[in-house]
Amino acid sequence: MAFINLTKKYVFLATARCASTSCYEELKNISIKNNENFITHANEMPDLYHMGLSEFLENYPQFQNYYIFAAVRNPTSRFISSWKEFRKEGHIKWSYDMAGFNDIDEFIDNFENTDCKFSVHFTPQYFQLCSFENRFVDKILYFKSISD
């Protein structure tokens, strides 16, 4: 689900593994500090939390004229980040069949044979950022490092 600021009329789409949780928290804190109204579903399951533009506009057409932005990341860095994150104990329920691989090289060699290829964490980022029937996001931010 996107972060929607009702007061300033903007939407942040949470592109998977692109600092979306950090961005959500910062946008929430700023909105609270400025006494702005907002909607967030930061604690949803990944596929809802990382809803793409097409799904967002289909389910929430009332926000189609809001300023919509998202962050992207180097695809290789994002892939490695997803591998590392979903190998952790707490993410097993989201990790599909990743636990069966000994290392990232084995995972990469067999990636096309896994269900991970359908996960929002591994699909190309542009799948989340455009709706060919309706529109594209207004701004794409490039995420390189959480400290940047």
Protein backbone atom coordinates (compact mmCIF):
# COMPACT_ATOMS: atom_id res chain seq x y z
CA MET A 1 0.00 0.00 0.00
CA ALA A 2 1.24 3.44 -0.76
CA PHE A 3 1.85 6.20 1.73
CA ILE A 4 -0.81 8.79 0.91
CA ASN A 5 -0.56 12.33 2.25
CA LEU A 6 -4.08 13.74 2.04
CA THR A 7 -3.06 17.24 3.07
CA LYS A 8 -0.24 17.77 0.55
CA LYS A 9 -1.80 15.45 -2.06
CA TYR A 10 1.10 13.12 -2.74
CA VAL A 11 1.61 9.36 -2.89
CA PHE A 12 4.77 7.41 -2.20
CA LEU A 13 4.82 3.96 -3.80
CA ALA A 14 6.96 1.49 -1.86
CA THR A 15 9.17 -0.17 -4.47
CA ALA A 16 10.42 -3.42 -2.93
CA ARG A 17 13.96 -3.35 -1.48
CA CYS A 18 14.48 0.35 -2.30
CA ALA A 19 14.50 1.83 1.23
CA SER A 20 10.70 1.92 1.23
CA THR A 21 10.35 1.23 4.97
CA SER A 22 12.78 4.03 5.82
CA CYS A 23 10.95 6.38 3.45
CA TYR A 24 7.58 5.40 4.95
CA GLU A 25 8.83 6.15 8.45
CA GLU A 26 10.32 9.50 7.46
CA LEU A 27 7.19 10.57 5.56
CA LYS A 28 5.03 9.51 8.51
CA ASN A 29 7.19 11.45 10.97
CA ILE A 30 7.17 14.58 8.81
CA SER A 31 3.40 14.34 8.34
CA ILE A 32 2.82 13.95 12.07
CA LYS A 33 5.16 16.86 12.84
CA ASN A 34 3.30 19.07 10.33
CA ASN A 35 -0.13 17.91 11.56
CA GLU A 36 -0.99 16.52 8.11
CA ASN A 37 -3.57 13.84 7.36
CA PHE A 38 -2.22 10.65 5.83
CA ILE A 39 -3.01 7.00 5.12
CA THR A 40 -0.43 4.25 5.51
CA HIS A 41 -0.49 0.50 5.69
CA ALA A 42 3.16 -0.08 6.51
CA ASN A 43 2.50 -3.35 8.35
CA GLU A 44 0.82 -5.17 5.46
CA MET A 45 2.17 -8.30 3.81
CA PRO A 46 4.79 -7.58 1.10
CA ASP A 47 2.63 -7.90 -1.99
CA LEU A 48 0.13 -5.36 -0.62
CA TYR A 49 2.75 -3.15 0.98
CA HIS A 50 4.58 -2.98 -2.35
CA MET A 51 1.49 -2.38 -4.47
CA GLY A 52 2.45 -1.06 -7.89
CA LEU A 53 1.02 1.93 -9.72
CA SER A 54 -1.47 -0.10 -11.79
CA GLU A 55 -2.94 -1.79 -8.72
CA PHE A 56 -2.94 1.46 -6.80
CA LEU A 57 -4.85 3.36 -9.48
CA GLU A 58 -7.26 0.47 -9.97
CA ASN A 59 -8.08 0.28 -6.26
CA TYR A 60 -7.77 3.97 -5.38
CA PRO A 61 -8.76 6.01 -8.46
CA GLN A 62 -9.63 8.98 -6.25
CA PHE A 63 -5.87 9.61 -5.87
CA GLN A 64 -4.91 9.46 -9.55
CA ASN A 65 -4.31 13.23 -9.71
CA TYR A 66 -2.00 13.24 -6.69
CA TYR A 67 1.74 13.65 -7.20
CA ILE A 68 3.09 10.09 -7.22
CA PHE A 69 6.72 9.21 -6.62
CA ALA A 70 8.86 6.17 -5.84
CA ALA A 71 12.47 5.11 -5.41
CA VAL A 72 14.48 2.67 -7.50
CA ARG A 73 17.78 0.94 -6.93
CA ASN A 74 20.55 -0.70 -8.93
CA PRO A 75 18.98 -4.04 -9.97
CA THR A 76 22.01 -6.13 -8.96
CA SER A 77 22.22 -4.46 -5.54
CA ARG A 78 18.47 -4.96 -5.09
CA PHE A 79 18.68 -8.65 -6.04
CA ILE A 80 21.51 -9.27 -3.55
CA SER A 81 19.66 -7.32 -0.87
CA SER A 82 16.54 -9.44 -1.42
CA TRP A 83 18.59 -12.63 -1.22
CA LYS A 84 20.20 -11.56 2.07
CA GLU A 85 16.95 -10.30 3.62
CA PHE A 86 14.86 -13.34 2.80
CA ARG A 87 17.45 -15.79 4.03
CA LYS A 88 16.96 -14.37 7.54
CA GLU A 89 14.97 -16.42 10.05
CA GLY A 90 12.00 -14.04 10.31
CA HIS A 91 11.35 -13.93 6.58
CA ILE A 92 11.06 -17.64 5.87
CA LYS A 93 7.31 -17.36 5.18
CA TRP A 94 8.04 -14.89 2.36
CA SER A 95 11.15 -16.56 1.02
CA TYR A 96 9.41 -19.03 -1.30
CA ASP A 97 11.92 -21.79 -1.97
CA MET A 98 15.11 -19.84 -1.24
CA ALA A 99 15.96 -21.94 1.80
CA GLY A 100 16.83 -24.84 -0.51
CA PHE A 101 19.89 -23.08 -1.93
CA ASN A 102 23.28 -23.15 -0.25
CA ASP A 103 24.50 -19.82 -1.60
CA ILE A 104 23.57 -16.96 -3.90
CA ASP A 105 25.45 -18.46 -6.86
CA GLU A 106 23.31 -21.61 -6.71
CA PHE A 107 20.21 -19.44 -6.35
CA ILE A 108 21.13 -17.34 -9.40
CA ASP A 109 21.87 -20.46 -11.47
CA ASN A 110 18.40 -21.82 -10.67
CA PHE A 111 16.44 -18.57 -10.36
CA GLU A 112 14.21 -19.16 -13.41
CA ASN A 113 13.04 -22.44 -11.87
CA THR A 114 11.90 -20.84 -8.61
CA ASP A 115 8.72 -19.08 -7.55
CA CYS A 116 10.89 -16.14 -6.48
CA LYS A 117 10.89 -14.89 -10.06
CA PHE A 118 7.25 -13.85 -9.45
CA SER A 119 7.95 -12.07 -6.16
CA VAL A 120 7.65 -8.28 -6.07
CA HIS A 121 11.14 -8.31 -4.51
CA PHE A 122 12.71 -9.86 -7.60
CA THR A 123 10.60 -8.65 -10.54
CA PRO A 124 11.84 -5.64 -12.53
CA GLN A 125 11.13 -2.37 -10.73
CA TYR A 126 9.36 -0.83 -13.70
CA PHE A 127 6.52 -3.34 -13.16
CA GLN A 128 5.65 -1.34 -10.04
CA LEU A 129 6.16 2.12 -11.50
CA CYS A 130 4.00 2.39 -14.59
CA SER A 131 0.46 1.83 -15.64
CA PHE A 132 0.50 1.81 -19.41
CA GLU A 133 -3.26 2.41 -19.63
CA ASN A 134 -3.26 5.39 -17.28
CA ARG A 135 0.02 7.06 -16.35
CA PHE A 136 3.53 6.83 -15.00
CA VAL A 137 4.87 7.99 -11.66
CA ASP A 138 5.67 11.71 -11.56
CA LYS A 139 9.14 11.33 -10.03
CA ILE A 140 11.59 8.48 -9.62
CA LEU A 141 14.26 8.84 -6.94
CA TYR A 142 17.44 6.78 -7.17
CA PHE A 143 18.34 4.97 -3.96
CA LYS A 144 22.01 4.13 -3.61
CA SER A 145 22.57 3.87 0.12
CA ILE A 146 20.45 4.47 3.21
CA SER A 147 23.09 6.95 4.39
CA ASP A 148 22.82 9.09 1.22
